């Protein structure tokens, strides 16, 4: 399978190493966005907390803004499913 974004943007034939969990498009490393699921924890008023669930999800740049909220990571931008 080839990276859909590479093929449509630059007519490159880059091998895909992942699939978007939303639309299923093939993605190379450069075009994939790593995300994760999280759940809200209840316990204290006024100070909401979240718990990061195990595992990760990969998204394409088209689907990521619709399903995710940007969070900061020291390595690269990561997105969290809310």
PDB file of N, CA and C in Angstrom:
ATOM      1  N   UNK A   1       0.844  -1.162   0.000  1.00  0.00           N
ATOM      2  CA  UNK A   1       0.000   0.000   0.000  1.00  0.00           C
ATOM      3  C   UNK A   1       0.895   1.232   0.000  1.00  0.00           C
ATOM      4  N   UNK A   2       0.432   2.284  -0.638  1.00  0.00           N
ATOM      5  CA  UNK A   2       1.195   3.535  -0.737  1.00  0.00           C
ATOM      6  C   UNK A   2       0.552   4.625   0.125  1.00  0.00           C
ATOM      7  N   UNK A   3       1.340   5.611   0.508  1.00  0.00           N
ATOM      8  CA  UNK A   3       0.838   6.741   1.282  1.00  0.00           C
ATOM      9  C   UNK A   3      -0.058   7.593   0.395  1.00  0.00           C
ATOM     10  N   UNK A   4      -1.286   7.791   0.827  1.00  0.00           N
ATOM     11  CA  UNK A   4      -2.256   8.553   0.038  1.00  0.00           C
ATOM     12  C   UNK A   4      -1.834  10.013  -0.075  1.00  0.00           C
ATOM     13  N   UNK A   5      -1.372  10.612   1.007  1.00  0.00           N
ATOM     14  CA  UNK A   5      -0.987  12.023   0.972  1.00  0.00           C
ATOM     15  C   UNK A   5       0.227  12.267   0.088  1.00  0.00           C
ATOM     16  N   UNK A   6       1.213  11.383   0.118  1.00  0.00           N
ATOM     17  CA  UNK A   6       2.375  11.526  -0.767  1.00  0.00           C
ATOM     18  C   UNK A   6       1.953  11.445  -2.226  1.00  0.00           C
ATOM     19  N   UNK A   7       1.060  10.522  -2.532  1.00  0.00           N
ATOM     20  CA  UNK A   7       0.617  10.332  -3.911  1.00  0.00           C
ATOM     21  C   UNK A   7      -0.177  11.521  -4.421  1.00  0.00           C
ATOM     22  N   UNK A   8      -1.021  12.105  -3.584  1.00  0.00           N
ATOM     23  CA  UNK A   8      -1.865  13.206  -4.053  1.00  0.00           C
ATOM     24  C   UNK A   8      -1.167  14.563  -4.004  1.00  0.00           C
ATOM     25  N   UNK A   9      -0.245  14.763  -3.064  1.00  0.00           N
ATOM     26  CA  UNK A   9       0.415  16.060  -2.929  1.00  0.00           C
ATOM     27  C   UNK A   9       1.635  16.206  -3.818  1.00  0.00           C
ATOM     28  N   UNK A  10       2.460  15.184  -3.897  1.00  0.00           N
ATOM     29  CA  UNK A  10       3.729  15.312  -4.607  1.00  0.00           C
ATOM     30  C   UNK A  10       3.954  14.227  -5.654  1.00  0.00           C
ATOM     31  N   UNK A  11       2.943  13.439  -5.933  1.00  0.00           N
ATOM     32  CA  UNK A  11       3.036  12.331  -6.888  1.00  0.00           C
ATOM     33  C   UNK A  11       4.200  11.399  -6.573  1.00  0.00           C
ATOM     34  N   UNK A  12       4.438  11.169  -5.282  1.00  0.00           N
ATOM     35  CA  UNK A  12       5.483  10.242  -4.849  1.00  0.00           C
ATOM     36  C   UNK A  12       4.872   8.878  -4.584  1.00  0.00           C
ATOM     37  N   UNK A  13       5.690   7.839  -4.680  1.00  0.00           N
ATOM     38  CA  UNK A  13       5.229   6.477  -4.416  1.00  0.00           C
ATOM     39  C   UNK A  13       5.881   5.964  -3.130  1.00  0.00           C
ATOM     40  N   UNK A  14       5.521   6.593  -2.021  1.00  0.00           N
ATOM     41  CA  UNK A  14       6.061   6.226  -0.720  1.00  0.00           C
ATOM     42  C   UNK A  14       5.231   5.103  -0.125  1.00  0.00           C
ATOM     43  N   UNK A  15       5.911   4.099   0.421  1.00  0.00           N
ATOM     44  CA  UNK A  15       5.200   2.989   1.052  1.00  0.00           C
ATOM     45  C   UNK A  15       4.517   3.462   2.340  1.00  0.00           C
ATOM     46  N   UNK A  16       3.305   3.007   2.551  1.00  0.00           N
ATOM     47  CA  UNK A  16       2.571   3.333   3.771  1.00  0.00           C
ATOM     48  C   UNK A  16       3.029   2.412   4.898  1.00  0.00           C
ATOM     49  N   UNK A  17       3.115   2.969   6.087  1.00  0.00           N
ATOM     50  CA  UNK A  17       3.481   2.161   7.248  1.00  0.00           C
ATOM     51  C   UNK A  17       2.362   2.129   8.278  1.00  0.00           C
ATOM     52  N   UNK A  18       1.264   2.829   8.008  1.00  0.00           N
ATOM     53  CA  UNK A  18       0.129   2.868   8.932  1.00  0.00           C
ATOM     54  C   UNK A  18      -1.135   3.213   8.153  1.00  0.00           C
ATOM     55  N   UNK A  19      -2.262   3.068   8.838  1.00  0.00           N
ATOM     56  CA  UNK A  19      -3.551   3.461   8.279  1.00  0.00           C
ATOM     57  C   UNK A  19      -4.233   4.405   9.256  1.00  0.00           C
ATOM     58  N   UNK A  20      -4.935   5.392   8.735  1.00  0.00           N
ATOM     59  CA  UNK A  20      -5.722   6.296   9.565  1.00  0.00           C
ATOM     60  C   UNK A  20      -6.856   5.492  10.197  1.00  0.00           C
ATOM     61  N   UNK A  21      -7.067   5.646  11.511  1.00  0.00           N
ATOM     62  CA  UNK A  21      -8.112   4.885  12.197  1.00  0.00           C
ATOM     63  C   UNK A  21      -9.510   5.383  11.842  1.00  0.00           C
ATOM     64  N   UNK A  22      -9.622   6.557  11.238  1.00  0.00           N
ATOM     65  CA  UNK A  22     -10.929   7.103  10.883  1.00  0.00           C
ATOM     66  C   UNK A  22     -11.303   6.755   9.445  1.00  0.00           C
ATOM     67  N   UNK A  23     -10.477   7.140   8.479  1.00  0.00           N
ATOM     68  CA  UNK A  23     -10.840   6.948   7.070  1.00  0.00           C
ATOM     69  C   UNK A  23     -10.157   5.755   6.420  1.00  0.00           C
ATOM     70  N   UNK A  24      -9.096   5.213   7.047  1.00  0.00           N
ATOM     71  CA  UNK A  24      -8.421   4.047   6.511  1.00  0.00           C
ATOM     72  C   UNK A  24      -7.364   4.332   5.468  1.00  0.00           C
ATOM     73  N   UNK A  25      -7.067   5.604   5.203  1.00  0.00           N
ATOM     74  CA  UNK A  25      -6.055   5.961   4.205  1.00  0.00           C
ATOM     75  C   UNK A  25      -4.680   5.457   4.642  1.00  0.00           C
ATOM     76  N   UNK A  26      -3.878   4.981   3.684  1.00  0.00           N
ATOM     77  CA  UNK A  26      -2.511   4.572   3.965  1.00  0.00           C
ATOM     78  C   UNK A  26      -1.660   5.796   4.246  1.00  0.00           C
ATOM     79  N   UNK A  27      -0.774   5.700   5.223  1.00  0.00           N
ATOM     80  CA  UNK A  27       0.044   6.842   5.636  1.00  0.00           C
ATOM     81  C   UNK A  27       1.500   6.445   5.820  1.00  0.00           C
ATOM     82  N   UNK A  28       2.397   7.335   5.407  1.00  0.00           N
ATOM     83  CA  UNK A  28       3.816   7.160   5.716  1.00  0.00           C
ATOM     84  C   UNK A  28       4.081   7.819   7.072  1.00  0.00           C
ATOM     85  N   UNK A  29       5.301   7.723   7.561  1.00  0.00           N
ATOM     86  CA  UNK A  29       5.662   8.302   8.856  1.00  0.00           C
ATOM     87  C   UNK A  29       5.468   9.815   8.856  1.00  0.00           C
ATOM     88  N   UNK A  30       5.832  10.477   7.776  1.00  0.00           N
ATOM     89  CA  UNK A  30       5.727  11.933   7.705  1.00  0.00           C
ATOM     90  C   UNK A  30       4.293  12.434   7.761  1.00  0.00           C
ATOM     91  N   UNK A  31       3.347  11.684   7.247  1.00  0.00           N
ATOM     92  CA  UNK A  31       1.960  12.132   7.171  1.00  0.00           C
ATOM     93  C   UNK A  31       1.066  11.586   8.279  1.00  0.00           C
ATOM     94  N   UNK A  32       1.589  10.756   9.166  1.00  0.00           N
ATOM     95  CA  UNK A  32       0.766  10.220  10.245  1.00  0.00           C
ATOM     96  C   UNK A  32       0.870  11.107  11.483  1.00  0.00           C
ATOM     97  N   UNK A  33      -0.220  11.212  12.206  1.00  0.00           N
ATOM     98  CA  UNK A  33      -0.284  11.974  13.447  1.00  0.00           C
ATOM     99  C   UNK A  33      -0.660  11.005  14.547  1.00  0.00           C
ATOM    100  N   UNK A  34       0.198  10.920  15.551  1.00  0.00           N
ATOM    101  CA  UNK A  34      -0.023   9.980  16.637  1.00  0.00           C
ATOM    102  C   UNK A  34      -0.956  10.590  17.671  1.00  0.00           C
ATOM    103  N   UNK A  35      -1.907   9.791  18.122  1.00  0.00           N
ATOM    104  CA  UNK A  35      -2.848  10.242  19.134  1.00  0.00           C
ATOM    105  C   UNK A  35      -3.107   9.130  20.128  1.00  0.00           C
ATOM    106  N   UNK A  36      -3.931   9.419  21.097  1.00  0.00           N
ATOM    107  CA  UNK A  36      -4.285   8.429  22.101  1.00  0.00           C
ATOM    108  C   UNK A  36      -5.668   8.753  22.646  1.00  0.00           C
ATOM    109  N   UNK A  37      -6.264   7.800  23.297  1.00  0.00           N
ATOM    110  CA  UNK A  37      -7.557   8.008  23.933  1.00  0.00           C
ATOM    111  C   UNK A  37      -7.348   8.384  25.380  1.00  0.00           C
ATOM    112  N   UNK A  38      -8.276   9.148  25.919  1.00  0.00           N
ATOM    113  CA  UNK A  38      -8.216   9.507  27.322  1.00  0.00           C
ATOM    114  C   UNK A  38      -9.626   9.542  27.889  1.00  0.00           C
ATOM    115  N   UNK A  39      -9.713   9.397  29.199  1.00  0.00           N
ATOM    116  CA  UNK A  39     -11.007   9.473  29.861  1.00  0.00           C
ATOM    117  C   UNK A  39     -10.910  10.457  31.012  1.00  0.00           C
ATOM    118  N   UNK A  40     -12.009  11.155  31.253  1.00  0.00           N
ATOM    119  CA  UNK A  40     -12.048  12.123  32.343  1.00  0.00           C
ATOM    120  C   UNK A  40     -12.188  11.391  33.671  1.00  0.00           C
ATOM    121  N   UNK A  41     -11.458  11.869  34.663  1.00  0.00           N
ATOM    122  CA  UNK A  41     -11.540  11.320  36.010  1.00  0.00           C
ATOM    123  C   UNK A  41     -12.318  12.297  36.881  1.00  0.00           C
ATOM    124  N   UNK A  42     -13.173  11.782  37.711  1.00  0.00           N
ATOM    125  CA  UNK A  42     -13.893  12.635  38.645  1.00  0.00           C
ATOM    126  C   UNK A  42     -13.303  12.445  40.031  1.00  0.00           C
ATOM    127  N   UNK A  43     -13.317  13.477  40.797  1.00  0.00           N
ATOM    128  CA  UNK A  43     -12.754  13.350  42.132  1.00  0.00           C
ATOM    129  C   UNK A  43     -12.654  14.670  42.846  1.00  0.00           C
ATOM    130  N   UNK A  44     -12.313  15.721  42.128  1.00  0.00           N
ATOM    131  CA  UNK A  44     -12.206  17.010  42.784  1.00  0.00           C
ATOM    132  C   UNK A  44     -12.895  18.077  41.935  1.00  0.00           C
ATOM    133  N   UNK A  45     -13.572  18.969  42.592  1.00  0.00           N
ATOM    134  CA  UNK A  45     -14.258  20.050  41.896  1.00  0.00           C
ATOM    135  C   UNK A  45     -13.264  21.115  41.465  1.00  0.00           C
ATOM    136  N   UNK A  46     -13.463  21.641  40.288  1.00  0.00           N
ATOM    137  CA  UNK A  46     -12.631  22.725  39.817  1.00  0.00           C
ATOM    138  C   UNK A  46     -11.269  22.335  39.289  1.00  0.00           C
ATOM    139  N   UNK A  47     -10.907  21.078  39.400  1.00  0.00           N
ATOM    140  CA  UNK A  47      -9.608  20.624  38.916  1.00  0.00           C
ATOM    141  C   UNK A  47      -9.787  19.317  38.154  1.00  0.00           C
ATOM    142  N   UNK A  48     -10.311  19.412  36.941  1.00  0.00           N
ATOM    143  CA  UNK A  48     -10.556  18.179  36.192  1.00  0.00           C
ATOM    144  C   UNK A  48      -9.245  17.472  35.838  1.00  0.00           C
ATOM    145  N   UNK A  49      -9.298  16.174  35.843  1.00  0.00           N
ATOM    146  CA  UNK A  49      -8.121  15.367  35.517  1.00  0.00           C
ATOM    147  C   UNK A  49      -8.510  14.355  34.445  1.00  0.00           C
ATOM    148  N   UNK A  50      -7.532  13.951  33.653  1.00  0.00           N
ATOM    149  CA  UNK A  50      -7.775  12.945  32.635  1.00  0.00           C
ATOM    150  C   UNK A  50      -6.768  11.814  32.810  1.00  0.00           C
ATOM    151  N   UNK A  51      -7.171  10.651  32.385  1.00  0.00           N
ATOM    152  CA  UNK A  51      -6.328   9.461  32.446  1.00  0.00           C
ATOM    153  C   UNK A  51      -6.065   9.009  31.017  1.00  0.00           C
ATOM    154  N   UNK A  52      -4.813   8.917  30.651  1.00  0.00           N
ATOM    155  CA  UNK A  52      -4.436   8.453  29.314  1.00  0.00           C
ATOM    156  C   UNK A  52      -4.605   6.942  29.246  1.00  0.00           C
ATOM    157  N   UNK A  53      -5.359   6.475  28.263  1.00  0.00           N
ATOM    158  CA  UNK A  53      -5.592   5.051  28.090  1.00  0.00           C
ATOM    159  C   UNK A  53      -4.431   4.414  27.340  1.00  0.00           C
ATOM    160  N   UNK A  54      -4.152   3.134  27.578  1.00  0.00           N
ATOM    161  CA  UNK A  54      -3.039   2.476  26.888  1.00  0.00           C
ATOM    162  C   UNK A  54      -3.291   2.374  25.390  1.00  0.00           C
ATOM    163  N   UNK A  55      -2.213   2.291  24.660  1.00  0.00           N
ATOM    164  CA  UNK A  55      -2.298   2.166  23.203  1.00  0.00           C
ATOM    165  C   UNK A  55      -2.217   3.526  22.527  1.00  0.00           C
ATOM    166  N   UNK A  56      -2.119   3.495  21.224  1.00  0.00           N
ATOM    167  CA  UNK A  56      -2.078   4.732  20.451  1.00  0.00           C
ATOM    168  C   UNK A  56      -2.896   4.566  19.192  1.00  0.00           C
ATOM    169  N   UNK A  57      -3.206   5.686  18.582  1.00  0.00           N
ATOM    170  CA  UNK A  57      -3.979   5.698  17.345  1.00  0.00           C
ATOM    171  C   UNK A  57      -3.257   6.615  16.367  1.00  0.00           C
ATOM    172  N   UNK A  58      -3.328   6.273  15.094  1.00  0.00           N
ATOM    173  CA  UNK A  58      -2.695   7.097  14.069  1.00  0.00           C
ATOM    174  C   UNK A  58      -3.779   7.688  13.177  1.00  0.00           C
ATOM    175  N   UNK A  59      -3.627   8.975  12.876  1.00  0.00           N
ATOM    176  CA  UNK A  59      -4.608   9.710  12.099  1.00  0.00           C
ATOM    177  C   UNK A  59      -3.933  10.408  10.922  1.00  0.00           C
ATOM    178  N   UNK A  60      -4.695  10.663   9.867  1.00  0.00           N
ATOM    179  CA  UNK A  60      -4.196  11.488   8.764  1.00  0.00           C
ATOM    180  C   UNK A  60      -4.465  12.950   9.110  1.00  0.00           C
ATOM    181  N   UNK A  61      -3.853  13.863   8.391  1.00  0.00           N
ATOM    182  CA  UNK A  61      -4.018  15.287   8.673  1.00  0.00           C
ATOM    183  C   UNK A  61      -5.430  15.772   8.377  1.00  0.00           C
ATOM    184  N   UNK A  62      -6.160  15.094   7.547  1.00  0.00           N
ATOM    185  CA  UNK A  62      -7.532  15.492   7.239  1.00  0.00           C
ATOM    186  C   UNK A  62      -8.473  15.129   8.381  1.00  0.00           C
ATOM    187  N   UNK A  63      -8.338  13.950   8.933  1.00  0.00           N
ATOM    188  CA  UNK A  63      -9.247  13.474   9.982  1.00  0.00           C
ATOM    189  C   UNK A  63      -8.884  13.989  11.368  1.00  0.00           C
ATOM    190  N   UNK A  64      -7.632  14.223  11.641  1.00  0.00           N
ATOM    191  CA  UNK A  64      -7.190  14.577  12.989  1.00  0.00           C
ATOM    192  C   UNK A  64      -7.895  15.801  13.574  1.00  0.00           C
ATOM    193  N   UNK A  65      -8.025  16.917  12.870  1.00  0.00           N
ATOM    194  CA  UNK A  65      -8.681  18.078  13.491  1.00  0.00           C
ATOM    195  C   UNK A  65     -10.139  17.832  13.862  1.00  0.00           C
ATOM    196  N   UNK A  66     -10.826  16.988  13.153  1.00  0.00           N
ATOM    197  CA  UNK A  66     -12.229  16.727  13.439  1.00  0.00           C
ATOM    198  C   UNK A  66     -12.436  15.839  14.655  1.00  0.00           C
ATOM    199  N   UNK A  67     -11.479  14.997  14.983  1.00  0.00           N
ATOM    200  CA  UNK A  67     -11.650  14.008  16.040  1.00  0.00           C
ATOM    201  C   UNK A  67     -10.780  14.238  17.266  1.00  0.00           C
ATOM    202  N   UNK A  68      -9.851  15.162  17.167  1.00  0.00           N
ATOM    203  CA  UNK A  68      -8.847  15.265  18.215  1.00  0.00           C
ATOM    204  C   UNK A  68      -8.649  16.682  18.715  1.00  0.00           C
ATOM    205  N   UNK A  69      -8.074  16.776  19.891  1.00  0.00           N
ATOM    206  CA  UNK A  69      -7.703  18.052  20.483  1.00  0.00           C
ATOM    207  C   UNK A  69      -6.186  18.044  20.666  1.00  0.00           C
ATOM    208  N   UNK A  70      -5.523  19.090  20.250  1.00  0.00           N
ATOM    209  CA  UNK A  70      -4.062  19.152  20.294  1.00  0.00           C
ATOM    210  C   UNK A  70      -3.550  19.235  21.722  1.00  0.00           C
ATOM    211  N   UNK A  71      -2.558  18.414  22.022  1.00  0.00           N
ATOM    212  CA  UNK A  71      -1.868  18.471  23.309  1.00  0.00           C
ATOM    213  C   UNK A  71      -0.374  18.566  23.044  1.00  0.00           C
ATOM    214  N   UNK A  72       0.373  18.989  24.018  1.00  0.00           N
ATOM    215  CA  UNK A  72       1.806  19.206  23.838  1.00  0.00           C
ATOM    216  C   UNK A  72       2.588  17.951  24.223  1.00  0.00           C
ATOM    217  N   UNK A  73       3.590  17.636  23.426  1.00  0.00           N
ATOM    218  CA  UNK A  73       4.466  16.505  23.698  1.00  0.00           C
ATOM    219  C   UNK A  73       5.903  16.945  23.472  1.00  0.00           C
ATOM    220  N   UNK A  74       6.853  16.461  24.254  1.00  0.00           N
ATOM    221  CA  UNK A  74       8.240  16.871  24.054  1.00  0.00           C
ATOM    222  C   UNK A  74       8.841  16.327  22.765  1.00  0.00           C
ATOM    223  N   UNK A  75       8.308  15.235  22.227  1.00  0.00           N
ATOM    224  CA  UNK A  75       8.902  14.609  21.046  1.00  0.00           C
ATOM    225  C   UNK A  75       8.287  15.129  19.755  1.00  0.00           C
ATOM    226  N   UNK A  76       6.973  15.184  19.687  1.00  0.00           N
ATOM    227  CA  UNK A  76       6.280  15.688  18.503  1.00  0.00           C
ATOM    228  C   UNK A  76       4.865  15.994  18.925  1.00  0.00           C
ATOM    229  N   UNK A  77       4.149  16.678  18.082  1.00  0.00           N
ATOM    230  CA  UNK A  77       2.766  16.969  18.409  1.00  0.00           C
ATOM    231  C   UNK A  77       1.968  15.687  18.521  1.00  0.00           C
ATOM    232  N   UNK A  78       1.262  15.544  19.614  1.00  0.00           N
ATOM    233  CA  UNK A  78       0.393  14.393  19.796  1.00  0.00           C
ATOM    234  C   UNK A  78      -1.023  14.913  20.005  1.00  0.00           C
ATOM    235  N   UNK A  79      -1.975  14.096  19.659  1.00  0.00           N
ATOM    236  CA  UNK A  79      -3.362  14.500  19.779  1.00  0.00           C
ATOM    237  C   UNK A  79      -4.080  13.535  20.698  1.00  0.00           C
ATOM    238  N   UNK A  80      -5.047  14.048  21.388  1.00  0.00           N
ATOM    239  CA  UNK A  80      -5.793  13.232  22.337  1.00  0.00           C
ATOM    240  C   UNK A  80      -7.247  13.127  21.914  1.00  0.00           C
ATOM    241  N   UNK A  81      -7.776  11.928  21.911  1.00  0.00           N
ATOM    242  CA  UNK A  81      -9.183  11.717  21.637  1.00  0.00           C
ATOM    243  C   UNK A  81      -9.925  11.994  22.925  1.00  0.00           C
ATOM    244  N   UNK A  82     -10.856  12.916  22.870  1.00  0.00           N
ATOM    245  CA  UNK A  82     -11.530  13.336  24.098  1.00  0.00           C
ATOM    246  C   UNK A  82     -12.714  12.566  24.466  1.00  0.00           C
TER     247      UNK A  82
END
